[in-house]
């Protein structure tokens, strides 16, 4: 999962574009809004996960 927020600075904007492009190219979930990330984390935290040995 990649969290990459947008910035108004030119250097940060170029870096961010590269980061977002790489995430998309590698099928990695990409979020650009902290509100969305917070909502996803709340959902994940509310789930109970279990593991089983093979």
C-alpha atoms as a PDB file:
ATOM      1  CA  UNK A   1       0.000   0.000   0.000  1.00  0.00           C
ATOM      2  CA  UNK A   2       1.305   3.445  -0.912  1.00  0.00           C
ATOM      3  CA  UNK A   3       0.104   6.695   0.634  1.00  0.00           C
ATOM      4  CA  UNK A   4       1.236   9.680  -1.433  1.00  0.00           C
ATOM      5  CA  UNK A   5      -0.340  13.052  -0.830  1.00  0.00           C
ATOM      6  CA  UNK A   6      -0.158  15.879  -3.357  1.00  0.00           C
ATOM      7  CA  UNK A   7       2.137  18.859  -2.711  1.00  0.00           C
ATOM      8  CA  UNK A   8       2.413  22.272  -4.337  1.00  0.00           C
ATOM      9  CA  UNK A   9       6.229  22.211  -4.438  1.00  0.00           C
ATOM     10  CA  UNK A  10       7.687  21.392  -7.871  1.00  0.00           C
ATOM     11  CA  UNK A  11      10.309  18.901  -6.634  1.00  0.00           C
ATOM     12  CA  UNK A  12       7.763  17.124  -4.430  1.00  0.00           C
ATOM     13  CA  UNK A  13       5.275  17.129  -7.296  1.00  0.00           C
ATOM     14  CA  UNK A  14       7.786  15.374  -9.595  1.00  0.00           C
ATOM     15  CA  UNK A  15       8.693  12.821  -6.907  1.00  0.00           C
ATOM     16  CA  UNK A  16       5.033  12.209  -6.161  1.00  0.00           C
ATOM     17  CA  UNK A  17       4.252  11.603  -9.826  1.00  0.00           C
ATOM     18  CA  UNK A  18       7.040   9.010 -10.002  1.00  0.00           C
ATOM     19  CA  UNK A  19       5.835   7.324  -6.806  1.00  0.00           C
ATOM     20  CA  UNK A  20       2.227   7.182  -8.025  1.00  0.00           C
ATOM     21  CA  UNK A  21       3.283   5.889 -11.436  1.00  0.00           C
ATOM     22  CA  UNK A  22       5.436   3.135  -9.893  1.00  0.00           C
ATOM     23  CA  UNK A  23       2.623   2.063  -7.568  1.00  0.00           C
ATOM     24  CA  UNK A  24       0.171   1.829 -10.460  1.00  0.00           C
ATOM     25  CA  UNK A  25       2.688  -0.037 -12.668  1.00  0.00           C
ATOM     26  CA  UNK A  26       3.230  -2.639  -9.945  1.00  0.00           C
ATOM     27  CA  UNK A  27      -0.474  -3.023  -9.033  1.00  0.00           C
ATOM     28  CA  UNK A  28       0.141  -1.623  -5.532  1.00  0.00           C
ATOM     29  CA  UNK A  29      -2.868   0.003  -3.857  1.00  0.00           C
ATOM     30  CA  UNK A  30      -2.400   3.786  -3.963  1.00  0.00           C
ATOM     31  CA  UNK A  31      -4.079   6.406  -1.806  1.00  0.00           C
ATOM     32  CA  UNK A  32      -3.675  10.164  -2.238  1.00  0.00           C
ATOM     33  CA  UNK A  33      -6.095  11.280   0.464  1.00  0.00           C
ATOM     34  CA  UNK A  34      -5.433  10.937   4.184  1.00  0.00           C
ATOM     35  CA  UNK A  35      -9.196  10.824   4.810  1.00  0.00           C
ATOM     36  CA  UNK A  36      -9.454   7.714   2.643  1.00  0.00           C
ATOM     37  CA  UNK A  37      -6.482   6.083   4.364  1.00  0.00           C
ATOM     38  CA  UNK A  38      -8.050   6.787   7.752  1.00  0.00           C
ATOM     39  CA  UNK A  39     -11.310   5.154   6.630  1.00  0.00           C
ATOM     40  CA  UNK A  40      -9.472   2.082   5.273  1.00  0.00           C
ATOM     41  CA  UNK A  41      -7.514   1.728   8.523  1.00  0.00           C
ATOM     42  CA  UNK A  42     -10.695   1.939  10.579  1.00  0.00           C
ATOM     43  CA  UNK A  43     -12.221  -0.873   8.537  1.00  0.00           C
ATOM     44  CA  UNK A  44      -9.094  -3.023   8.839  1.00  0.00           C
ATOM     45  CA  UNK A  45      -8.860  -2.400  12.578  1.00  0.00           C
ATOM     46  CA  UNK A  46     -12.483  -3.471  13.033  1.00  0.00           C
ATOM     47  CA  UNK A  47     -11.851  -6.836  11.351  1.00  0.00           C
ATOM     48  CA  UNK A  48     -10.587  -9.850  13.211  1.00  0.00           C
ATOM     49  CA  UNK A  49      -7.997 -11.860  11.347  1.00  0.00           C
ATOM     50  CA  UNK A  50      -7.003 -15.436  12.128  1.00  0.00           C
ATOM     51  CA  UNK A  51      -4.256 -17.655  10.818  1.00  0.00           C
ATOM     52  CA  UNK A  52      -4.052 -21.392  10.415  1.00  0.00           C
ATOM     53  CA  UNK A  53      -0.932 -23.485  10.049  1.00  0.00           C
ATOM     54  CA  UNK A  54      -0.614 -25.441   6.860  1.00  0.00           C
END
